[in-house]
Protein backbone atom coordinates (compact mmCIF):
# COMPACT_ATOMS: atom_id res chain seq x y z
CA MET A 1 0.02 0.02 0.00
CA PRO A 2 1.17 3.58 -1.03
CA ASN A 3 3.03 5.61 2.11
CA THR A 4 -0.12 7.13 3.37
CA LEU A 5 -0.51 10.29 5.52
CA VAL A 6 -3.66 11.75 6.72
CA ILE A 7 -3.33 15.44 7.83
CA ILE A 8 -5.71 17.19 10.27
CA PRO A 9 -5.53 20.98 10.56
CA THR A 10 -6.51 22.18 14.05
CA TYR A 11 -7.57 25.15 15.29
CA ASN A 12 -9.46 24.90 18.85
CA GLU A 13 -10.36 21.21 18.66
CA CYS A 14 -9.29 20.36 21.99
CA GLU A 15 -12.26 18.35 22.17
CA ASN A 16 -11.98 16.35 19.14
CA ILE A 17 -8.44 15.88 18.39
CA ASP A 18 -7.74 12.67 20.67
CA LEU A 19 -11.04 10.84 18.86
CA ILE A 20 -10.23 11.81 15.95
CA VAL A 21 -7.12 10.56 15.89
CA THR A 22 -7.81 7.49 17.47
CA ARG A 23 -10.69 6.78 14.93
CA VAL A 24 -8.11 7.34 11.95
CA ARG A 25 -5.27 4.91 13.20
CA ALA A 26 -8.12 2.42 14.12
CA SER A 27 -9.77 2.56 10.56
CA VAL A 28 -6.16 2.73 8.41
CA PRO A 29 -3.61 1.67 11.00
CA GLU A 30 -0.74 1.69 8.69
CA ALA A 31 -1.65 5.37 7.94
CA HIS A 32 0.51 8.03 9.60
CA VAL A 33 -1.37 11.04 10.77
CA LEU A 34 0.09 14.95 10.78
CA VAL A 35 -2.02 17.46 12.67
CA VAL A 36 -1.14 20.77 11.60
CA ASP A 37 -1.92 23.32 14.46
CA ASP A 38 -2.57 26.84 14.29
CA ALA A 39 -1.18 27.76 17.63
CA SER A 40 -4.70 26.90 19.17
CA PRO A 41 -4.99 29.04 22.51
CA ASP A 42 -7.24 26.05 24.09
CA GLY A 43 -4.19 23.74 24.21
CA THR A 44 -5.15 21.27 20.87
CA GLY A 45 -1.31 21.92 20.01
CA GLU A 46 -0.36 20.44 23.58
CA LEU A 47 -2.61 17.71 23.61
CA ALA A 48 -1.49 16.65 19.72
CA ASP A 49 2.43 16.52 21.01
CA THR A 50 0.95 14.19 24.00
CA LEU A 51 -0.68 11.72 21.11
CA ALA A 52 2.44 12.22 19.12
CA THR A 53 4.68 10.86 22.16
CA ALA A 54 2.69 7.83 22.48
CA ASP A 55 2.31 6.94 19.05
CA ASP A 56 5.23 7.12 16.48
CA SER A 57 2.57 7.17 13.83
CA VAL A 58 1.40 10.63 14.62
CA HIS A 59 3.11 13.74 13.56
CA VAL A 60 2.44 17.42 14.60
CA LEU A 61 3.22 20.74 13.04
CA HIS A 62 3.02 23.61 14.72
CA ARG A 63 2.16 26.78 12.74
CA THR A 64 2.77 30.37 14.49
CA GLU A 65 -0.13 32.17 13.58
CA LYS A 66 -4.05 31.13 12.01
CA THR A 67 -3.59 32.32 8.55
CA GLY A 68 -6.44 30.10 7.12
CA LEU A 69 -7.44 26.59 6.23
CA GLY A 70 -5.49 26.75 2.81
CA ALA A 71 -2.28 27.54 4.23
CA ALA A 72 -2.47 24.96 7.11
CA TYR A 73 -2.44 22.39 4.28
CA LEU A 74 0.03 23.73 1.87
CA ASP A 75 2.27 23.46 4.94
CA GLY A 76 1.11 20.06 5.38
CA PHE A 77 1.39 19.03 2.05
CA GLY A 78 4.99 20.52 2.08
CA TRP A 79 5.88 18.84 5.07
CA ALA A 80 4.49 15.22 3.42
CA LEU A 81 6.15 15.84 0.28
CA SER A 82 9.78 16.40 2.30
CA HIS A 83 9.35 13.11 4.35
CA GLY A 84 8.22 11.07 1.36
CA TYR A 85 4.88 10.12 1.37
CA ASP A 86 3.10 8.83 -1.45
CA GLN A 87 -0.62 9.94 -0.80
CA LEU A 88 -1.86 12.67 1.01
CA VAL A 89 -5.21 12.62 2.51
CA GLN A 90 -7.22 15.71 3.82
CA LEU A 91 -9.63 15.37 6.83
CA ASP A 92 -11.55 17.67 9.13
CA ALA A 93 -10.58 17.47 12.93
CA ASP A 94 -14.84 17.91 13.79
CA GLY A 95 -15.53 14.39 13.13
CA SER A 96 -17.58 15.19 9.98
CA HIS A 97 -15.54 13.56 7.66
CA LEU A 98 -15.86 10.01 9.23
CA PRO A 99 -12.36 7.82 9.02
CA GLU A 100 -14.32 4.82 9.00
CA GLN A 101 -14.98 5.79 5.00
CA LEU A 102 -11.35 6.12 4.45
CA PRO A 103 -10.54 2.74 3.28
CA GLY A 104 -13.20 3.16 0.30
CA LEU A 105 -11.29 6.61 -0.80
CA LEU A 106 -7.95 4.72 -0.72
CA THR A 107 -9.05 1.94 -2.91
CA ALA A 108 -10.21 4.72 -5.16
CA ALA A 109 -7.07 6.06 -4.81
CA ALA A 110 -5.10 3.47 -6.70
CA SER A 111 -6.70 4.24 -10.14
CA ALA A 112 -7.04 8.22 -9.73
CA ASP A 113 -4.58 11.08 -9.27
CA VAL A 114 -7.18 13.11 -6.81
CA VAL A 115 -10.19 11.36 -4.89
CA MET A 116 -12.95 13.52 -3.82
CA GLY A 117 -15.39 12.48 -0.95
CA SER A 118 -18.83 13.58 -2.60
CA ARG A 119 -22.15 14.34 -0.85
CA TRP A 120 -23.96 15.39 -3.68
CA ILE A 121 -23.45 11.59 -5.73
CA ARG A 122 -25.61 8.75 -5.62
CA GLY A 123 -24.95 7.22 -2.36
CA GLY A 124 -23.70 10.45 -0.89
CA ALA A 125 -25.23 11.77 2.77
CA VAL A 126 -25.38 14.82 4.79
CA LYS A 127 -26.85 14.08 8.60
CA ASN A 128 -27.91 16.71 11.17
CA TRP A 129 -27.64 19.74 8.48
CA PRO A 130 -30.78 22.18 8.29
CA TRP A 131 -32.09 22.56 5.25
CA HIS A 132 -31.06 25.83 4.19
CA ARG A 133 -27.56 24.92 5.59
CA ARG A 134 -27.77 21.58 3.17
CA ALA A 135 -29.35 24.17 0.33
CA LEU A 136 -26.36 26.92 0.60
CA SER A 137 -23.88 24.07 0.16
CA ARG A 138 -25.29 22.24 -2.48
CA GLY A 139 -25.94 25.74 -4.25
CA GLY A 140 -22.56 26.82 -3.77
CA SER A 141 -21.70 23.72 -5.30
CA ILE A 142 -23.81 24.16 -8.50
CA TYR A 143 -23.31 27.62 -8.85
CA SER A 144 -19.13 27.31 -9.08
CA ARG A 145 -19.47 24.24 -11.10
CA ALA A 146 -21.54 25.76 -13.65
CA LEU A 147 -19.22 29.13 -13.81
CA LEU A 148 -16.38 27.52 -13.71
CA ARG A 149 -17.12 24.47 -16.00
CA LEU A 150 -16.21 21.83 -13.47
CA PRO A 151 -18.03 18.26 -14.20
CA GLN A 152 -17.54 17.13 -10.96
CA ARG A 153 -20.53 17.27 -8.19
CA ASP A 154 -19.10 18.41 -4.76
CA VAL A 155 -16.36 21.18 -5.60
CA THR A 156 -16.28 22.33 -1.69
CA GLY A 157 -15.94 19.17 -0.01
CA GLY A 158 -12.89 19.07 2.08
CA TYR A 159 -12.53 15.06 2.59
CA ARG A 160 -9.65 14.35 -0.22
CA VAL A 161 -6.71 12.03 -1.49
CA TYR A 162 -3.93 13.51 -3.19
CA SER A 163 -1.05 11.45 -5.03
CA ALA A 164 2.54 13.02 -4.31
CA HIS A 165 2.12 13.14 -8.49
CA ALA A 166 -0.53 15.25 -8.22
CA LEU A 167 0.48 17.54 -5.91
CA GLU A 168 3.52 18.07 -7.85
CA SER A 169 1.80 18.55 -11.12
CA MET A 170 -0.54 21.08 -10.12
CA GLN A 171 1.48 24.25 -9.40
CA LEU A 172 0.10 25.10 -5.97
CA GLY A 173 1.93 28.37 -6.16
CA GLY A 174 -0.97 29.68 -8.43
CA LEU A 175 -3.08 29.33 -5.52
CA GLU A 176 -5.19 32.39 -4.98
CA SER A 177 -7.40 31.07 -2.15
CA LEU A 178 -6.22 29.99 1.23
CA GLY A 179 -9.76 30.46 2.69
CA TYR A 180 -13.27 28.79 2.13
CA CYS A 181 -12.27 28.97 -1.80
CA PHE A 182 -9.36 26.75 -1.22
CA GLN A 183 -10.81 23.69 -2.27
CA ILE A 184 -12.69 24.82 -5.42
CA ASP A 185 -8.76 26.43 -6.01
CA MET A 186 -7.48 23.17 -5.62
CA LEU A 187 -9.57 21.11 -7.97
CA LEU A 188 -9.48 23.72 -10.65
CA HIS A 189 -5.83 23.49 -10.37
CA ALA A 190 -6.12 19.39 -10.66
CA VAL A 191 -8.60 19.62 -13.72
CA ARG A 192 -6.30 22.14 -15.28
CA ALA A 193 -3.22 19.81 -15.03
CA GLN A 194 -5.74 17.03 -16.63
CA LEU A 195 -5.34 14.61 -13.54
CA THR A 196 -7.71 11.75 -13.45
CA VAL A 197 -10.45 12.88 -10.82
CA VAL A 198 -12.49 10.46 -8.99
CA GLU A 199 -15.67 10.99 -6.68
CA VAL A 200 -16.61 8.68 -3.91
CA PRO A 201 -20.17 9.33 -2.32
CA ILE A 202 -19.47 9.63 1.64
CA THR A 203 -21.76 10.65 4.31
CA PHE A 204 -20.84 14.16 6.23
CA VAL A 205 -21.70 14.56 9.93
CA GLU A 206 -22.40 18.05 11.46
CA ARG A 207 -20.13 18.21 14.40
CA THR A 208 -21.22 17.49 18.08
CA LEU A 209 -18.56 19.00 19.70
CA GLY A 210 -16.77 22.09 19.29
CA SER A 211 -17.70 25.16 17.18
CA SER A 212 -17.88 25.78 13.60
CA LYS A 213 -15.34 27.97 11.91
CA MET A 214 -18.11 28.67 8.97
CA SER A 215 -20.33 31.64 8.93
CA GLY A 216 -22.39 33.40 6.05
CA ARG A 217 -20.01 36.00 5.51
CA ILE A 218 -17.15 33.87 4.38
CA VAL A 219 -19.40 31.84 2.00
CA ILE A 220 -20.25 34.73 0.44
CA GLU A 221 -16.54 36.25 -0.14
CA ALA A 222 -15.80 32.83 -1.60
CA MET A 223 -19.06 32.81 -3.94
CA ALA A 224 -17.75 36.51 -4.91
CA ARG A 225 -14.49 35.04 -5.91
CA VAL A 226 -15.72 32.51 -7.97
CA THR A 227 -17.79 35.12 -9.93
CA ILE A 228 -14.22 36.78 -10.66
CA TRP A 229 -12.78 33.64 -11.53
CA GLY A 230 -15.78 32.83 -13.85
CA LEU A 231 -15.99 36.16 -15.70
CA THR A 232 -12.44 36.12 -16.13
CA GLY A 233 -12.39 33.30 -18.17
CA MET A 234 -10.15 30.94 -14.92
CA GLY A 235 -12.52 28.20 -15.46
CA ALA A 236 -11.50 24.34 -16.22
CA HIS A 237 -10.74 23.38 -19.67
CA ARG A 238 -9.82 19.97 -19.71
CA SER A 239 -9.58 16.80 -17.50
CA ARG A 240 -9.66 13.02 -17.36
CA VAL A 241 -12.71 12.30 -15.39
CA PRO A 242 -13.73 8.83 -14.79
CA ALA A 243 -17.14 7.59 -13.84
CA GLU A 244 -18.42 8.16 -10.26
CA ALA A 245 -16.83 5.31 -7.88
CA ALA A 246 -19.64 2.56 -6.87
CA PRO A 247 -21.40 3.76 -3.53
CA GLN A 248 -19.92 2.04 -0.37
CA GLN A 249 -21.40 0.01 1.44
């Protein structure tokens, strides 16, 4: 199996980090974990250090300030590539991405450059979201797909697997967004690089502990950026997009 690293960005996730790391290690024991902490004032980084001391497969990257999800992932990608990992997984710390579904994503990654966990394809689902949040997420994905000419269904989802080859091919120095638009920007770069992108159905579960970092203002700013990209012709052009992966059992 490829050398896999699961990257978990954190900011004030003290209530979640122990459980999510434990679940990842149980679901994919051969994978390593990298916690990327943005100097959380609640002690998340220190707790992650304790987990790393107890388990050689857990690592911690301490950042000195909170500069956005995308910046945390880019630092995590750089750390992973410098340490020779072949597959890099994006996974939220709050439990919304089920580690128990990671084996299915990694299976799909055997024949794809990028695997996206999708809420909006056959077999995908969202739990514990009110109708308005579901509509906002799905509507934002539809709007972005149409404006940027992306064939994928869940363009804002963050449960993904990238091969090291994919990241090295995507010219990430050209990324324009490190916030909510980061996932869309990453997908655009993958499509422009003509990488094979596969969507696998997942169940997304709303967090039960801690507080969400999402707000309406963040979403509005993201859609404004997507609009600018679309109007300036920065959408996708060509990509190799195979059929959707079979729903997970």
